């Protein structure tokens, strides 16, 4: 299935957003190692990385 340029650009924007959020959450988590909040932020970061990988498939 061929994607239109408009759809492709939208998918790239989604992907960029997810990887940006991954890096933000990861850096926040590094500021509070060994805390419950740090663990939660790491989990959110990993979720965002998974979303990035999902969008990358398209």
PDB file of N, CA and C in Angstrom:
ATOM      1  N   UNK A   1       0.845  -1.190   0.000  1.00  0.00           N
ATOM      2  CA  UNK A   1       0.000   0.000   0.000  1.00  0.00           C
ATOM      3  C   UNK A   1       0.887   1.249   0.000  1.00  0.00           C
ATOM      4  N   UNK A   2       0.677   2.091  -0.928  1.00  0.00           N
ATOM      5  CA  UNK A   2       1.437   3.332  -1.075  1.00  0.00           C
ATOM      6  C   UNK A   2       0.800   4.428  -0.224  1.00  0.00           C
ATOM      7  N   UNK A   3       1.625   5.104   0.577  1.00  0.00           N
ATOM      8  CA  UNK A   3       1.140   6.188   1.421  1.00  0.00           C
ATOM      9  C   UNK A   3       1.297   7.511   0.687  1.00  0.00           C
ATOM     10  N   UNK A   4       0.319   8.362   0.858  1.00  0.00           N
ATOM     11  CA  UNK A   4       0.439   9.692   0.269  1.00  0.00           C
ATOM     12  C   UNK A   4       1.512  10.464   1.037  1.00  0.00           C
ATOM     13  N   UNK A   5       2.029  11.495   0.420  1.00  0.00           N
ATOM     14  CA  UNK A   5       3.048  12.314   1.062  1.00  0.00           C
ATOM     15  C   UNK A   5       2.507  12.938   2.349  1.00  0.00           C
ATOM     16  N   UNK A   6       1.260  13.344   2.329  1.00  0.00           N
ATOM     17  CA  UNK A   6       0.636  13.954   3.506  1.00  0.00           C
ATOM     18  C   UNK A   6       0.588  12.962   4.677  1.00  0.00           C
ATOM     19  N   UNK A   7       0.179  11.735   4.395  1.00  0.00           N
ATOM     20  CA  UNK A   7       0.100  10.707   5.435  1.00  0.00           C
ATOM     21  C   UNK A   7       1.502  10.362   5.922  1.00  0.00           C
ATOM     22  N   UNK A   8       2.439  10.242   5.012  1.00  0.00           N
ATOM     23  CA  UNK A   8       3.826   9.935   5.388  1.00  0.00           C
ATOM     24  C   UNK A   8       4.381  11.017   6.311  1.00  0.00           C
ATOM     25  N   UNK A   9       4.143  12.275   6.003  1.00  0.00           N
ATOM     26  CA  UNK A   9       4.623  13.378   6.839  1.00  0.00           C
ATOM     27  C   UNK A   9       3.980  13.340   8.225  1.00  0.00           C
ATOM     28  N   UNK A  10       2.705  12.995   8.283  1.00  0.00           N
ATOM     29  CA  UNK A  10       2.020  12.898   9.569  1.00  0.00           C
ATOM     30  C   UNK A  10       2.601  11.758  10.404  1.00  0.00           C
ATOM     31  N   UNK A  11       2.872  10.622   9.775  1.00  0.00           N
ATOM     32  CA  UNK A  11       3.471   9.488  10.481  1.00  0.00           C
ATOM     33  C   UNK A  11       4.868   9.837  10.992  1.00  0.00           C
ATOM     34  N   UNK A  12       5.644  10.544  10.197  1.00  0.00           N
ATOM     35  CA  UNK A  12       6.969  10.978  10.633  1.00  0.00           C
ATOM     36  C   UNK A  12       6.884  11.945  11.817  1.00  0.00           C
ATOM     37  N   UNK A  13       5.878  12.805  11.808  1.00  0.00           N
ATOM     38  CA  UNK A  13       5.681  13.722  12.927  1.00  0.00           C
ATOM     39  C   UNK A  13       5.333  12.949  14.199  1.00  0.00           C
ATOM     40  N   UNK A  14       4.466  11.945  14.083  1.00  0.00           N
ATOM     41  CA  UNK A  14       4.123  11.103  15.232  1.00  0.00           C
ATOM     42  C   UNK A  14       5.375  10.414  15.768  1.00  0.00           C
ATOM     43  N   UNK A  15       6.157   9.865  14.854  1.00  0.00           N
ATOM     44  CA  UNK A  15       7.369   9.137  15.236  1.00  0.00           C
ATOM     45  C   UNK A  15       8.357  10.079  15.937  1.00  0.00           C
ATOM     46  N   UNK A  16       8.551  11.253  15.398  1.00  0.00           N
ATOM     47  CA  UNK A  16       9.464  12.227  15.995  1.00  0.00           C
ATOM     48  C   UNK A  16       8.994  12.617  17.394  1.00  0.00           C
ATOM     49  N   UNK A  17       7.702  12.794  17.555  1.00  0.00           N
ATOM     50  CA  UNK A  17       7.137  13.150  18.850  1.00  0.00           C
ATOM     51  C   UNK A  17       7.414  12.053  19.884  1.00  0.00           C
ATOM     52  N   UNK A  18       7.231  10.808  19.501  1.00  0.00           N
ATOM     53  CA  UNK A  18       7.443   9.695  20.426  1.00  0.00           C
ATOM     54  C   UNK A  18       8.906   9.584  20.855  1.00  0.00           C
ATOM     55  N   UNK A  19       9.837   9.738  19.929  1.00  0.00           N
ATOM     56  CA  UNK A  19      11.252   9.609  20.292  1.00  0.00           C
ATOM     57  C   UNK A  19      11.700  10.806  21.128  1.00  0.00           C
ATOM     58  N   UNK A  20      11.134  11.969  20.871  1.00  0.00           N
ATOM     59  CA  UNK A  20      11.433  13.148  21.688  1.00  0.00           C
ATOM     60  C   UNK A  20      10.942  12.931  23.116  1.00  0.00           C
ATOM     61  N   UNK A  21       9.721  12.418  23.258  1.00  0.00           N
ATOM     62  CA  UNK A  21       9.179  12.150  24.587  1.00  0.00           C
ATOM     63  C   UNK A  21      10.002  11.084  25.309  1.00  0.00           C
ATOM     64  N   UNK A  22      10.477  10.091  24.576  1.00  0.00           N
ATOM     65  CA  UNK A  22      11.349   9.071  25.172  1.00  0.00           C
ATOM     66  C   UNK A  22      12.563   9.728  25.824  1.00  0.00           C
ATOM     67  N   UNK A  23      13.234  10.601  25.078  1.00  0.00           N
ATOM     68  CA  UNK A  23      14.445  11.247  25.591  1.00  0.00           C
ATOM     69  C   UNK A  23      14.133  12.163  26.783  1.00  0.00           C
ATOM     70  N   UNK A  24      13.019  12.852  26.734  1.00  0.00           N
ATOM     71  CA  UNK A  24      12.638  13.726  27.848  1.00  0.00           C
ATOM     72  C   UNK A  24      12.407  12.905  29.116  1.00  0.00           C
ATOM     73  N   UNK A  25      11.595  11.847  29.021  1.00  0.00           N
ATOM     74  CA  UNK A  25      11.309  11.030  30.195  1.00  0.00           C
ATOM     75  C   UNK A  25      12.570  10.345  30.720  1.00  0.00           C
ATOM     76  N   UNK A  26      13.424   9.896  29.809  1.00  0.00           N
ATOM     77  CA  UNK A  26      14.657   9.227  30.218  1.00  0.00           C
ATOM     78  C   UNK A  26      15.556  10.190  30.999  1.00  0.00           C
ATOM     79  N   UNK A  27      15.685  11.408  30.524  1.00  0.00           N
ATOM     80  CA  UNK A  27      16.520  12.394  31.220  1.00  0.00           C
ATOM     81  C   UNK A  27      15.924  12.775  32.576  1.00  0.00           C
ATOM     82  N   UNK A  28      14.615  12.906  32.631  1.00  0.00           N
ATOM     83  CA  UNK A  28      13.978  13.190  33.920  1.00  0.00           C
ATOM     84  C   UNK A  28      14.231  12.053  34.903  1.00  0.00           C
ATOM     85  N   UNK A  29      14.120  10.820  34.427  1.00  0.00           N
ATOM     86  CA  UNK A  29      14.339   9.654  35.288  1.00  0.00           C
ATOM     87  C   UNK A  29      15.767   9.633  35.830  1.00  0.00           C
ATOM     88  N   UNK A  30      16.714  10.063  35.019  1.00  0.00           N
ATOM     89  CA  UNK A  30      18.115  10.084  35.454  1.00  0.00           C
ATOM     90  C   UNK A  30      18.349  11.082  36.585  1.00  0.00           C
ATOM     91  N   UNK A  31      17.476  12.073  36.704  1.00  0.00           N
ATOM     92  CA  UNK A  31      17.607  13.080  37.753  1.00  0.00           C
ATOM     93  C   UNK A  31      17.178  12.542  39.116  1.00  0.00           C
ATOM     94  N   UNK A  32      16.447  11.419  39.119  1.00  0.00           N
ATOM     95  CA  UNK A  32      15.955  10.859  40.374  1.00  0.00           C
ATOM     96  C   UNK A  32      16.125   9.343  40.409  1.00  0.00           C
ATOM     97  N   UNK A  33      17.374   8.896  40.327  1.00  0.00           N
ATOM     98  CA  UNK A  33      17.621   7.449  40.333  1.00  0.00           C
ATOM     99  C   UNK A  33      17.205   6.821  41.667  1.00  0.00           C
ATOM    100  N   UNK A  34      16.860   5.565  41.609  1.00  0.00           N
ATOM    101  CA  UNK A  34      16.525   4.795  42.815  1.00  0.00           C
ATOM    102  C   UNK A  34      15.329   5.351  43.580  1.00  0.00           C
ATOM    103  N   UNK A  35      14.423   6.011  42.864  1.00  0.00           N
ATOM    104  CA  UNK A  35      13.183   6.468  43.489  1.00  0.00           C
ATOM    105  C   UNK A  35      12.011   5.871  42.728  1.00  0.00           C
ATOM    106  N   UNK A  36      10.858   5.870  43.356  1.00  0.00           N
ATOM    107  CA  UNK A  36       9.656   5.351  42.693  1.00  0.00           C
ATOM    108  C   UNK A  36       9.320   6.199  41.459  1.00  0.00           C
ATOM    109  N   UNK A  37       9.451   7.516  41.589  1.00  0.00           N
ATOM    110  CA  UNK A  37       9.181   8.392  40.447  1.00  0.00           C
ATOM    111  C   UNK A  37      10.144   8.122  39.299  1.00  0.00           C
ATOM    112  N   UNK A  38      11.407   7.877  39.623  1.00  0.00           N
ATOM    113  CA  UNK A  38      12.388   7.549  38.596  1.00  0.00           C
ATOM    114  C   UNK A  38      12.028   6.274  37.861  1.00  0.00           C
ATOM    115  N   UNK A  39      11.572   5.278  38.605  1.00  0.00           N
ATOM    116  CA  UNK A  39      11.155   4.013  37.994  1.00  0.00           C
ATOM    117  C   UNK A  39       9.955   4.219  37.074  1.00  0.00           C
ATOM    118  N   UNK A  40       9.010   5.022  37.527  1.00  0.00           N
ATOM    119  CA  UNK A  40       7.822   5.294  36.711  1.00  0.00           C
ATOM    120  C   UNK A  40       8.210   6.043  35.442  1.00  0.00           C
ATOM    121  N   UNK A  41       9.081   7.035  35.579  1.00  0.00           N
ATOM    122  CA  UNK A  41       9.525   7.788  34.401  1.00  0.00           C
ATOM    123  C   UNK A  41      10.289   6.900  33.431  1.00  0.00           C
ATOM    124  N   UNK A  42      11.085   5.977  33.945  1.00  0.00           N
ATOM    125  CA  UNK A  42      11.763   5.025  33.064  1.00  0.00           C
ATOM    126  C   UNK A  42      10.769   4.159  32.314  1.00  0.00           C
ATOM    127  N   UNK A  43       9.711   3.732  32.988  1.00  0.00           N
ATOM    128  CA  UNK A  43       8.693   2.909  32.330  1.00  0.00           C
ATOM    129  C   UNK A  43       7.970   3.704  31.239  1.00  0.00           C
ATOM    130  N   UNK A  44       7.652   4.949  31.556  1.00  0.00           N
ATOM    131  CA  UNK A  44       7.008   5.807  30.552  1.00  0.00           C
ATOM    132  C   UNK A  44       7.942   5.978  29.357  1.00  0.00           C
ATOM    133  N   UNK A  45       9.234   6.187  29.622  1.00  0.00           N
ATOM    134  CA  UNK A  45      10.216   6.339  28.536  1.00  0.00           C
ATOM    135  C   UNK A  45      10.218   5.101  27.657  1.00  0.00           C
ATOM    136  N   UNK A  46      10.227   3.922  28.270  1.00  0.00           N
ATOM    137  CA  UNK A  46      10.235   2.683  27.490  1.00  0.00           C
ATOM    138  C   UNK A  46       8.943   2.528  26.687  1.00  0.00           C
ATOM    139  N   UNK A  47       7.831   2.958  27.250  1.00  0.00           N
ATOM    140  CA  UNK A  47       6.564   2.926  26.505  1.00  0.00           C
ATOM    141  C   UNK A  47       6.643   3.825  25.275  1.00  0.00           C
ATOM    142  N   UNK A  48       7.207   5.018  25.461  1.00  0.00           N
ATOM    143  CA  UNK A  48       7.341   5.950  24.342  1.00  0.00           C
ATOM    144  C   UNK A  48       8.266   5.382  23.267  1.00  0.00           C
ATOM    145  N   UNK A  49       9.327   4.716  23.685  1.00  0.00           N
ATOM    146  CA  UNK A  49      10.228   4.085  22.720  1.00  0.00           C
ATOM    147  C   UNK A  49       9.489   3.003  21.931  1.00  0.00           C
ATOM    148  N   UNK A  50       8.632   2.264  22.600  1.00  0.00           N
ATOM    149  CA  UNK A  50       7.815   1.262  21.917  1.00  0.00           C
ATOM    150  C   UNK A  50       6.870   1.894  20.904  1.00  0.00           C
ATOM    151  N   UNK A  51       6.283   3.031  21.282  1.00  0.00           N
ATOM    152  CA  UNK A  51       5.406   3.738  20.338  1.00  0.00           C
ATOM    153  C   UNK A  51       6.195   4.188  19.117  1.00  0.00           C
ATOM    154  N   UNK A  52       7.401   4.693  19.356  1.00  0.00           N
ATOM    155  CA  UNK A  52       8.286   5.113  18.254  1.00  0.00           C
ATOM    156  C   UNK A  52       8.537   3.938  17.305  1.00  0.00           C
ATOM    157  N   UNK A  53       8.857   2.772  17.889  1.00  0.00           N
ATOM    158  CA  UNK A  53       9.121   1.583  17.073  1.00  0.00           C
ATOM    159  C   UNK A  53       7.874   1.168  16.296  1.00  0.00           C
ATOM    160  N   UNK A  54       6.710   1.309  16.904  1.00  0.00           N
ATOM    161  CA  UNK A  54       5.461   0.979  16.204  1.00  0.00           C
ATOM    162  C   UNK A  54       5.262   1.885  14.986  1.00  0.00           C
ATOM    163  N   UNK A  55       5.439   3.206  15.174  1.00  0.00           N
ATOM    164  CA  UNK A  55       5.267   4.124  14.059  1.00  0.00           C
ATOM    165  C   UNK A  55       6.309   3.887  12.970  1.00  0.00           C
ATOM    166  N   UNK A  56       7.489   3.459  13.381  1.00  0.00           N
ATOM    167  CA  UNK A  56       8.585   3.221  12.432  1.00  0.00           C
ATOM    168  C   UNK A  56       8.219   2.133  11.415  1.00  0.00           C
ATOM    169  N   UNK A  57       7.348   1.205  11.802  1.00  0.00           N
ATOM    170  CA  UNK A  57       6.943   0.125  10.907  1.00  0.00           C
ATOM    171  C   UNK A  57       6.194   0.632   9.676  1.00  0.00           C
ATOM    172  N   UNK A  58       5.568   1.776   9.814  1.00  0.00           N
ATOM    173  CA  UNK A  58       4.782   2.307   8.707  1.00  0.00           C
ATOM    174  C   UNK A  58       5.617   3.160   7.775  1.00  0.00           C
TER     175      UNK A  58
END
